[in-house]
Amino acid sequence: LSNTAWAFAKAGHLSTELLNAISAEVMRRGLGDYKEQGLSNTAWAFAKAGHLSTELSNVISAEVVRRGLCDFNEQGLSNTAWAFAVWNPPSADKLFGTTSFMTQCAHLETSFSPAALSQLHQWSLWRDERGALWPGLPESLRQACRNAFVEEEGQPSQLQSDVVREIRSTGDIASVEEERRCEISGYSIDALVTLNDGERIAVEVDGPSHFVGRSQQPNGGTLLKHRQLRYFGWRLEDVKYWDWNHSKELPWLPQRSR
């Protein structure tokens, strides 16, 4: 079950029907026979698909709390942390409210891959977002996580370039900056638009890779980034590829005076 969920999530082909079927079977069987990797893979797969199941997150959280985190490896820790950051469930307080998660992360500090460090950075942002009193990562690890996260350079897509060109040609704006780094969160914003009155708008241009399969369901990474950018005070405007292909209109953009 966990391998099936993981494989379809990795391929971007998870459907709501399949997710619901897997979730129902997990609930029927329970998680007692799952290995730690199976628990983390299941959590990651559902979060990756943007399937925010409170029921599933509750049972996974309860099982992880029951057995502890000492047998979770680096990937299992980071995948679980990232999945719960996407889900943002109430049950997270029991899972992360003790020193268990922080202690295991500290024990494996030098073993995390850059991708795992980036996931843990988003977990740290989520901890700030919730105003949680959970134990945080050690400062050296937290800094390593941020460094790994900001080293991921954004590559503007053709769609993004087209949208920016349209903003510059039709908008009543002062400036547009592509791939502007948010200093607080470390996120790279696709385009930062500054209007003539000084207001700043973070523009995210979301092509097909930001959605699950061929659906219009944002994947977990997209949901998390949008939610966290808004938490850190950005006015966020999202340009979805199908809206752009249909009309190329940006209704939130002030039009130039003729």
C-alpha atoms as a PDB file:
ATOM      1  CA  LEU A   1       0.000   0.000   0.000  1.00  0.00           C
ATOM      2  CA  SER A   2       2.712   2.464   0.936  1.00  0.00           C
ATOM      3  CA  ASN A   3       4.819   1.574  -2.120  1.00  0.00           C
ATOM      4  CA  THR A   4       1.810   1.993  -4.400  1.00  0.00           C
ATOM      5  CA  ALA A   5       0.967   5.388  -2.919  1.00  0.00           C
ATOM      6  CA  TRP A   6       4.626   6.457  -3.133  1.00  0.00           C
ATOM      7  CA  ALA A   7       5.049   5.293  -6.747  1.00  0.00           C
ATOM      8  CA  PHE A   8       1.939   7.044  -8.042  1.00  0.00           C
ATOM      9  CA  ALA A   9       2.772  10.219  -6.098  1.00  0.00           C
ATOM     10  CA  LYS A  10       6.325  10.197  -7.469  1.00  0.00           C
ATOM     11  CA  ALA A  11       4.954   9.850 -10.988  1.00  0.00           C
ATOM     12  CA  GLY A  12       2.369  12.586 -10.407  1.00  0.00           C
ATOM     13  CA  HIS A  13      -0.521  10.316 -11.357  1.00  0.00           C
ATOM     14  CA  LEU A  14      -2.412   9.898  -8.101  1.00  0.00           C
ATOM     15  CA  SER A  15      -6.176  10.236  -8.426  1.00  0.00           C
ATOM     16  CA  THR A  16      -8.639  11.071  -5.684  1.00  0.00           C
ATOM     17  CA  GLU A  17     -10.278   7.670  -6.171  1.00  0.00           C
ATOM     18  CA  LEU A  18      -6.992   5.824  -5.651  1.00  0.00           C
ATOM     19  CA  LEU A  19      -6.066   7.929  -2.635  1.00  0.00           C
ATOM     20  CA  ASN A  20      -9.448   7.336  -1.042  1.00  0.00           C
ATOM     21  CA  ALA A  21      -9.182   3.596  -1.674  1.00  0.00           C
ATOM     22  CA  ILE A  22      -5.697   3.386  -0.157  1.00  0.00           C
ATOM     23  CA  SER A  23      -6.744   5.513   2.809  1.00  0.00           C
ATOM     24  CA  ALA A  24      -9.794   3.326   3.459  1.00  0.00           C
ATOM     25  CA  GLU A  25      -7.672   0.182   3.380  1.00  0.00           C
ATOM     26  CA  VAL A  26      -5.087   1.711   5.706  1.00  0.00           C
ATOM     27  CA  MET A  27      -7.858   2.578   8.163  1.00  0.00           C
ATOM     28  CA  ARG A  28      -9.286  -0.939   7.922  1.00  0.00           C
ATOM     29  CA  ARG A  29      -5.961  -2.699   8.489  1.00  0.00           C
ATOM     30  CA  GLY A  30      -4.276  -0.268  10.846  1.00  0.00           C
ATOM     31  CA  LEU A  31      -0.597   0.659  10.778  1.00  0.00           C
ATOM     32  CA  GLY A  32       0.860  -1.764  13.284  1.00  0.00           C
ATOM     33  CA  ASP A  33       2.597  -3.844  10.602  1.00  0.00           C
ATOM     34  CA  TYR A  34       4.066  -0.868   8.744  1.00  0.00           C
ATOM     35  CA  LYS A  35       7.797  -0.325   8.867  1.00  0.00           C
ATOM     36  CA  GLU A  36       9.001   3.203   9.592  1.00  0.00           C
ATOM     37  CA  GLN A  37       9.716   3.775   5.895  1.00  0.00           C
ATOM     38  CA  GLY A  38       6.181   2.681   5.049  1.00  0.00           C
ATOM     39  CA  LEU A  39       4.751   5.209   7.498  1.00  0.00           C
ATOM     40  CA  SER A  40       6.857   8.069   6.143  1.00  0.00           C
ATOM     41  CA  ASN A  41       6.274   7.074   2.504  1.00  0.00           C
ATOM     42  CA  THR A  42       2.516   6.999   3.035  1.00  0.00           C
ATOM     43  CA  ALA A  43       2.516  10.390   4.724  1.00  0.00           C
ATOM     44  CA  TRP A  44       4.745  11.869   2.002  1.00  0.00           C
ATOM     45  CA  ALA A  45       2.654  10.429  -0.849  1.00  0.00           C
ATOM     46  CA  PHE A  46      -0.641  11.823   0.405  1.00  0.00           C
ATOM     47  CA  ALA A  47       0.927  15.211   1.172  1.00  0.00           C
ATOM     48  CA  LYS A  48       2.650  15.291  -2.229  1.00  0.00           C
ATOM     49  CA  ALA A  49      -0.744  14.805  -3.851  1.00  0.00           C
ATOM     50  CA  GLY A  50      -2.237  17.647  -1.816  1.00  0.00           C
ATOM     51  CA  HIS A  51      -4.642  15.177  -0.230  1.00  0.00           C
ATOM     52  CA  LEU A  52      -5.150  16.800   3.169  1.00  0.00           C
ATOM     53  CA  SER A  53      -6.724  13.930   5.104  1.00  0.00           C
ATOM     54  CA  THR A  54      -7.094  14.784   8.776  1.00  0.00           C
ATOM     55  CA  GLU A  55      -8.179  11.207   9.543  1.00  0.00           C
ATOM     56  CA  LEU A  56      -5.096   9.682   7.938  1.00  0.00           C
ATOM     57  CA  SER A  57      -2.727  12.229   9.488  1.00  0.00           C
ATOM     58  CA  ASN A  58      -4.222  11.450  12.901  1.00  0.00           C
ATOM     59  CA  VAL A  59      -3.654   7.688  12.642  1.00  0.00           C
ATOM     60  CA  ILE A  60      -0.112   8.098  11.271  1.00  0.00           C
ATOM     61  CA  SER A  61       0.716  10.589  14.018  1.00  0.00           C
ATOM     62  CA  ALA A  62      -0.683   8.258  16.687  1.00  0.00           C
ATOM     63  CA  GLU A  63       1.338   5.319  15.357  1.00  0.00           C
ATOM     64  CA  VAL A  64       4.581   7.316  15.197  1.00  0.00           C
ATOM     65  CA  VAL A  65       4.021   8.616  18.746  1.00  0.00           C
ATOM     66  CA  ARG A  66       3.306   5.052  19.937  1.00  0.00           C
ATOM     67  CA  ARG A  67       6.529   3.574  18.578  1.00  0.00           C
ATOM     68  CA  GLY A  68       8.787   6.673  18.742  1.00  0.00           C
ATOM     69  CA  LEU A  69      11.216   8.058  16.180  1.00  0.00           C
ATOM     70  CA  CYS A  70      14.440   6.291  17.137  1.00  0.00           C
ATOM     71  CA  ASP A  71      14.204   3.891  14.170  1.00  0.00           C
ATOM     72  CA  PHE A  72      13.445   6.580  11.573  1.00  0.00           C
ATOM     73  CA  ASN A  73      16.317   7.333   9.193  1.00  0.00           C
ATOM     74  CA  GLU A  74      17.127  10.739   7.703  1.00  0.00           C
ATOM     75  CA  GLN A  75      14.723  10.435   4.783  1.00  0.00           C
ATOM     76  CA  GLY A  76      11.950   9.078   6.968  1.00  0.00           C
ATOM     77  CA  LEU A  77      12.303  12.006   9.368  1.00  0.00           C
ATOM     78  CA  SER A  78      12.374  14.671   6.651  1.00  0.00           C
ATOM     79  CA  ASN A  79       9.549  13.117   4.617  1.00  0.00           C
ATOM     80  CA  THR A  80       7.343  12.854   7.701  1.00  0.00           C
ATOM     81  CA  ALA A  81       8.157  16.379   8.824  1.00  0.00           C
ATOM     82  CA  TRP A  82       7.439  17.804   5.361  1.00  0.00           C
ATOM     83  CA  ALA A  83       4.188  15.851   5.010  1.00  0.00           C
ATOM     84  CA  PHE A  84       2.860  17.170   8.302  1.00  0.00           C
ATOM     85  CA  ALA A  85       3.894  20.698   7.330  1.00  0.00           C
ATOM     86  CA  VAL A  86       1.707  20.333   4.239  1.00  0.00           C
ATOM     87  CA  TRP A  87      -1.158  18.747   6.170  1.00  0.00           C
ATOM     88  CA  ASN A  88      -0.929  21.132   9.164  1.00  0.00           C
ATOM     89  CA  PRO A  89      -3.136  18.887  11.345  1.00  0.00           C
ATOM     90  CA  PRO A  90      -4.006  19.411  15.025  1.00  0.00           C
ATOM     91  CA  SER A  91      -2.379  16.045  15.816  1.00  0.00           C
ATOM     92  CA  ALA A  92       1.047  17.550  15.053  1.00  0.00           C
ATOM     93  CA  ASP A  93       1.286  18.892  18.603  1.00  0.00           C
ATOM     94  CA  LYS A  94       1.522  15.352  19.986  1.00  0.00           C
ATOM     95  CA  LEU A  95       4.011  14.255  17.330  1.00  0.00           C
ATOM     96  CA  PHE A  96       6.413  17.198  17.565  1.00  0.00           C
ATOM     97  CA  GLY A  97       5.639  18.539  21.036  1.00  0.00           C
ATOM     98  CA  THR A  98       8.282  16.426  22.786  1.00  0.00           C
ATOM     99  CA  THR A  99      12.057  16.390  22.302  1.00  0.00           C
ATOM    100  CA  SER A 100      11.906  13.102  20.360  1.00  0.00           C
ATOM    101  CA  PHE A 101      11.916  14.597  16.852  1.00  0.00           C
ATOM    102  CA  MET A 102      14.563  17.205  17.619  1.00  0.00           C
ATOM    103  CA  THR A 103      16.787  14.629  19.346  1.00  0.00           C
ATOM    104  CA  GLN A 104      16.680  12.204  16.421  1.00  0.00           C
ATOM    105  CA  CYS A 105      17.356  15.002  13.915  1.00  0.00           C
ATOM    106  CA  ALA A 106      20.318  16.164  16.004  1.00  0.00           C
ATOM    107  CA  HIS A 107      21.637  12.594  16.148  1.00  0.00           C
ATOM    108  CA  LEU A 108      21.580  12.350  12.333  1.00  0.00           C
ATOM    109  CA  GLU A 109      22.551  15.994  11.684  1.00  0.00           C
ATOM    110  CA  THR A 110      25.524  15.271   9.410  1.00  0.00           C
ATOM    111  CA  SER A 111      23.707  12.611   7.380  1.00  0.00           C
ATOM    112  CA  PHE A 112      20.839  14.593   5.822  1.00  0.00           C
ATOM    113  CA  SER A 113      20.885  15.095   2.051  1.00  0.00           C
ATOM    114  CA  PRO A 114      20.338  18.606   0.612  1.00  0.00           C
ATOM    115  CA  ALA A 115      16.768  17.620  -0.334  1.00  0.00           C
ATOM    116  CA  ALA A 116      16.073  16.407   3.213  1.00  0.00           C
ATOM    117  CA  LEU A 117      17.567  19.588   4.684  1.00  0.00           C
ATOM    118  CA  SER A 118      15.261  21.658   2.461  1.00  0.00           C
ATOM    119  CA  GLN A 119      12.247  19.726   3.722  1.00  0.00           C
ATOM    120  CA  LEU A 120      13.325  20.313   7.314  1.00  0.00           C
ATOM    121  CA  HIS A 121      13.649  24.032   6.584  1.00  0.00           C
ATOM    122  CA  GLN A 122      10.010  24.083   5.503  1.00  0.00           C
ATOM    123  CA  TRP A 123       9.154  22.225   8.721  1.00  0.00           C
ATOM    124  CA  SER A 124      10.925  24.963  10.698  1.00  0.00           C
ATOM    125  CA  LEU A 125       8.953  27.608   8.802  1.00  0.00           C
ATOM    126  CA  TRP A 126       5.781  25.697   9.650  1.00  0.00           C
ATOM    127  CA  ARG A 127       6.766  25.635  13.333  1.00  0.00           C
ATOM    128  CA  ASP A 128       7.054  29.435  13.177  1.00  0.00           C
ATOM    129  CA  GLU A 129       3.809  29.647  11.218  1.00  0.00           C
ATOM    130  CA  ARG A 130       1.910  27.748  13.904  1.00  0.00           C
ATOM    131  CA  GLY A 131       3.553  29.658  16.716  1.00  0.00           C
ATOM    132  CA  ALA A 132       4.264  26.233  18.144  1.00  0.00           C
ATOM    133  CA  LEU A 133       6.203  25.730  21.342  1.00  0.00           C
ATOM    134  CA  TRP A 134       7.724  22.501  20.041  1.00  0.00           C
ATOM    135  CA  PRO A 135      11.463  22.040  20.501  1.00  0.00           C
ATOM    136  CA  GLY A 136      13.183  23.474  17.434  1.00  0.00           C
ATOM    137  CA  LEU A 137      16.103  22.076  15.498  1.00  0.00           C
ATOM    138  CA  PRO A 138      19.613  22.761  16.822  1.00  0.00           C
ATOM    139  CA  GLU A 139      20.826  26.102  15.490  1.00  0.00           C
ATOM    140  CA  SER A 140      23.623  24.556  13.424  1.00  0.00           C
ATOM    141  CA  LEU A 141      21.173  22.174  11.735  1.00  0.00           C
ATOM    142  CA  ARG A 142      18.580  24.886  11.248  1.00  0.00           C
ATOM    143  CA  GLN A 143      21.154  27.056   9.478  1.00  0.00           C
ATOM    144  CA  ALA A 144      22.258  24.130   7.310  1.00  0.00           C
ATOM    145  CA  CYS A 145      18.613  23.566   6.365  1.00  0.00           C
ATOM    146  CA  ARG A 146      18.163  27.183   5.303  1.00  0.00           C
ATOM    147  CA  ASN A 147      21.412  27.153   3.354  1.00  0.00           C
ATOM    148  CA  ALA A 148      20.337  24.052   1.433  1.00  0.00           C
ATOM    149  CA  PHE A 149      16.912  25.572   0.759  1.00  0.00           C
ATOM    150  CA  VAL A 150      18.184  28.875  -0.652  1.00  0.00           C
ATOM    151  CA  GLU A 151      20.825  27.156  -2.769  1.00  0.00           C
ATOM    152  CA  GLU A 152      18.039  25.724  -4.929  1.00  0.00           C
ATOM    153  CA  GLU A 153      18.080  28.230  -7.760  1.00  0.00           C
ATOM    154  CA  GLY A 154      14.828  28.830  -9.588  1.00  0.00           C
ATOM    155  CA  GLN A 155      14.817  28.363 -13.339  1.00  0.00           C
ATOM    156  CA  PRO A 156      12.238  30.591 -15.075  1.00  0.00           C
ATOM    157  CA  SER A 157       9.975  28.611 -17.394  1.00  0.00           C
ATOM    158  CA  GLN A 158       8.779  29.862 -20.751  1.00  0.00           C
ATOM    159  CA  LEU A 159       5.352  30.364 -19.177  1.00  0.00           C
ATOM    160  CA  GLN A 160       6.870  32.516 -16.435  1.00  0.00           C
ATOM    161  CA  SER A 161       8.792  34.596 -18.969  1.00  0.00           C
ATOM    162  CA  ASP A 162       5.613  35.135 -20.990  1.00  0.00           C
ATOM    163  CA  VAL A 163       3.677  36.267 -17.915  1.00  0.00           C
ATOM    164  CA  VAL A 164       6.455  38.660 -16.851  1.00  0.00           C
ATOM    165  CA  ARG A 165       6.595  40.109 -20.363  1.00  0.00           C
ATOM    166  CA  GLU A 166       2.845  40.738 -20.232  1.00  0.00           C
ATOM    167  CA  ILE A 167       3.117  42.398 -16.808  1.00  0.00           C
ATOM    168  CA  ARG A 168       5.822  44.727 -18.049  1.00  0.00           C
ATOM    169  CA  SER A 169       3.940  45.666 -21.206  1.00  0.00           C
ATOM    170  CA  THR A 170       0.459  46.283 -19.799  1.00  0.00           C
ATOM    171  CA  GLY A 171       0.738  46.973 -16.082  1.00  0.00           C
ATOM    172  CA  ASP A 172       0.901  50.322 -14.310  1.00  0.00           C
ATOM    173  CA  ILE A 173       3.970  49.254 -12.370  1.00  0.00           C
ATOM    174  CA  ALA A 174       7.276  50.536 -11.058  1.00  0.00           C
ATOM    175  CA  SER A 175       9.318  47.347 -11.453  1.00  0.00           C
ATOM    176  CA  VAL A 176       9.312  43.565 -11.887  1.00  0.00           C
ATOM    177  CA  GLU A 177      11.996  41.290 -10.445  1.00  0.00           C
ATOM    178  CA  GLU A 178      12.171  37.625 -11.417  1.00  0.00           C
ATOM    179  CA  GLU A 179      13.195  34.917  -8.939  1.00  0.00           C
ATOM    180  CA  ARG A 180      13.259  37.342  -6.016  1.00  0.00           C
ATOM    181  CA  ARG A 181      14.284  35.702  -2.750  1.00  0.00           C
ATOM    182  CA  CYS A 182      12.054  36.242   0.291  1.00  0.00           C
ATOM    183  CA  GLU A 183      14.619  37.116   2.961  1.00  0.00           C
ATOM    184  CA  ILE A 184      12.505  35.871   5.851  1.00  0.00           C
ATOM    185  CA  SER A 185      11.422  32.482   4.501  1.00  0.00           C
ATOM    186  CA  GLY A 186      14.068  31.790   1.879  1.00  0.00           C
ATOM    187  CA  TYR A 187      11.459  31.065  -0.795  1.00  0.00           C
ATOM    188  CA  SER A 188      12.181  32.216  -4.343  1.00  0.00           C
ATOM    189  CA  ILE A 189       9.233  34.219  -5.676  1.00  0.00           C
ATOM    190  CA  ASP A 190       8.646  33.810  -9.429  1.00  0.00           C
ATOM    191  CA  ALA A 191       8.072  37.528  -9.946  1.00  0.00           C
ATOM    192  CA  LEU A 192       7.958  40.404  -7.490  1.00  0.00           C
ATOM    193  CA  VAL A 193       5.828  43.217  -8.876  1.00  0.00           C
ATOM    194  CA  THR A 194       6.115  46.655  -7.310  1.00  0.00           C
ATOM    195  CA  LEU A 195       3.240  48.991  -8.189  1.00  0.00           C
ATOM    196  CA  ASN A 196       3.650  52.738  -8.586  1.00  0.00           C
ATOM    197  CA  ASP A 197       2.061  53.284  -5.182  1.00  0.00           C
ATOM    198  CA  GLY A 198       4.720  51.077  -3.571  1.00  0.00           C
ATOM    199  CA  GLU A 199       2.561  48.007  -3.007  1.00  0.00           C
ATOM    200  CA  ARG A 200       4.405  44.748  -3.672  1.00  0.00           C
ATOM    201  CA  ILE A 201       2.778  41.653  -5.148  1.00  0.00           C
ATOM    202  CA  ALA A 202       4.338  38.199  -5.124  1.00  0.00           C
ATOM    203  CA  VAL A 203       3.369  36.450  -8.353  1.00  0.00           C
ATOM    204  CA  GLU A 204       3.584  32.678  -8.631  1.00  0.00           C
ATOM    205  CA  VAL A 205       3.292  31.248 -12.144  1.00  0.00           C
ATOM    206  CA  ASP A 206       2.082  27.671 -11.811  1.00  0.00           C
ATOM    207  CA  GLY A 207       2.538  25.385 -14.791  1.00  0.00           C
ATOM    208  CA  PRO A 208       1.441  21.736 -15.052  1.00  0.00           C
ATOM    209  CA  SER A 209       4.196  20.483 -12.723  1.00  0.00           C
ATOM    210  CA  HIS A 210       2.543  22.351  -9.843  1.00  0.00           C
ATOM    211  CA  PHE A 211      -0.582  20.194 -10.064  1.00  0.00           C
ATOM    212  CA  VAL A 212      -1.394  16.529  -9.566  1.00  0.00           C
ATOM    213  CA  GLY A 213      -1.361  14.690 -12.881  1.00  0.00           C
ATOM    214  CA  ARG A 214      -3.662  16.397 -15.339  1.00  0.00           C
ATOM    215  CA  SER A 215      -5.961  17.723 -12.644  1.00  0.00           C
ATOM    216  CA  GLN A 216      -6.396  21.231 -11.317  1.00  0.00           C
ATOM    217  CA  GLN A 217      -5.479  20.042  -7.807  1.00  0.00           C
ATOM    218  CA  PRO A 218      -2.323  21.811  -6.554  1.00  0.00           C
ATOM    219  CA  ASN A 219       0.300  19.415  -5.280  1.00  0.00           C
ATOM    220  CA  GLY A 220       1.602  19.573  -1.746  1.00  0.00           C
ATOM    221  CA  GLY A 221       4.657  21.653  -2.547  1.00  0.00           C
ATOM    222  CA  THR A 222       2.530  24.298  -4.230  1.00  0.00           C
ATOM    223  CA  LEU A 223       0.002  24.394  -1.391  1.00  0.00           C
ATOM    224  CA  LEU A 224       2.745  24.719   1.197  1.00  0.00           C
ATOM    225  CA  LYS A 225       4.650  27.472  -0.596  1.00  0.00           C
ATOM    226  CA  HIS A 226       1.534  29.563  -1.190  1.00  0.00           C
ATOM    227  CA  ARG A 227       0.348  29.170   2.390  1.00  0.00           C
ATOM    228  CA  GLN A 228       3.706  30.031   3.889  1.00  0.00           C
ATOM    229  CA  LEU A 229       4.330  33.032   1.647  1.00  0.00           C
ATOM    230  CA  ARG A 230       0.960  34.433   2.705  1.00  0.00           C
ATOM    231  CA  TYR A 231       1.812  33.785   6.351  1.00  0.00           C
ATOM    232  CA  PHE A 232       5.002  35.831   5.971  1.00  0.00           C
ATOM    233  CA  GLY A 233       2.971  38.804   4.791  1.00  0.00           C
ATOM    234  CA  TRP A 234       3.025  38.612   1.020  1.00  0.00           C
ATOM    235  CA  ARG A 235       0.091  39.554  -1.139  1.00  0.00           C
ATOM    236  CA  LEU A 236       0.160  36.530  -3.436  1.00  0.00           C
ATOM    237  CA  GLU A 237      -1.342  36.294  -6.904  1.00  0.00           C
ATOM    238  CA  ASP A 238      -1.344  32.897  -8.585  1.00  0.00           C
ATOM    239  CA  VAL A 239      -1.279  32.620 -12.401  1.00  0.00           C
ATOM    240  CA  LYS A 240      -2.492  29.134 -13.306  1.00  0.00           C
ATOM    241  CA  TYR A 241      -1.407  27.804 -16.669  1.00  0.00           C
ATOM    242  CA  TRP A 242      -4.916  26.958 -17.886  1.00  0.00           C
ATOM    243  CA  ASP A 243      -6.210  30.450 -17.078  1.00  0.00           C
ATOM    244  CA  TRP A 244      -3.248  31.954 -18.910  1.00  0.00           C
ATOM    245  CA  ASN A 245      -3.733  29.707 -21.954  1.00  0.00           C
ATOM    246  CA  HIS A 246      -7.400  30.656 -22.054  1.00  0.00           C
ATOM    247  CA  SER A 247      -7.277  34.444 -21.747  1.00  0.00           C
ATOM    248  CA  LYS A 248      -3.822  35.764 -20.796  1.00  0.00           C
ATOM    249  CA  GLU A 249      -5.606  38.213 -18.525  1.00  0.00           C
ATOM    250  CA  LEU A 250      -4.202  39.424 -15.193  1.00  0.00           C
ATOM    251  CA  PRO A 251      -7.243  41.033 -13.539  1.00  0.00           C
ATOM    252  CA  TRP A 252      -5.309  42.012 -10.397  1.00  0.00           C
ATOM    253  CA  LEU A 253      -2.841  44.121 -12.409  1.00  0.00           C
ATOM    254  CA  PRO A 254      -3.557  47.889 -12.684  1.00  0.00           C
ATOM    255  CA  GLN A 255      -3.799  48.792 -16.353  1.00  0.00           C
ATOM    256  CA  ARG A 256      -1.757  51.611 -17.826  1.00  0.00           C
ATOM    257  CA  SER A 257      -3.493  54.902 -18.307  1.00  0.00           C
ATOM    258  CA  ARG A 258      -4.197  55.470 -21.988  1.00  0.00           C
END
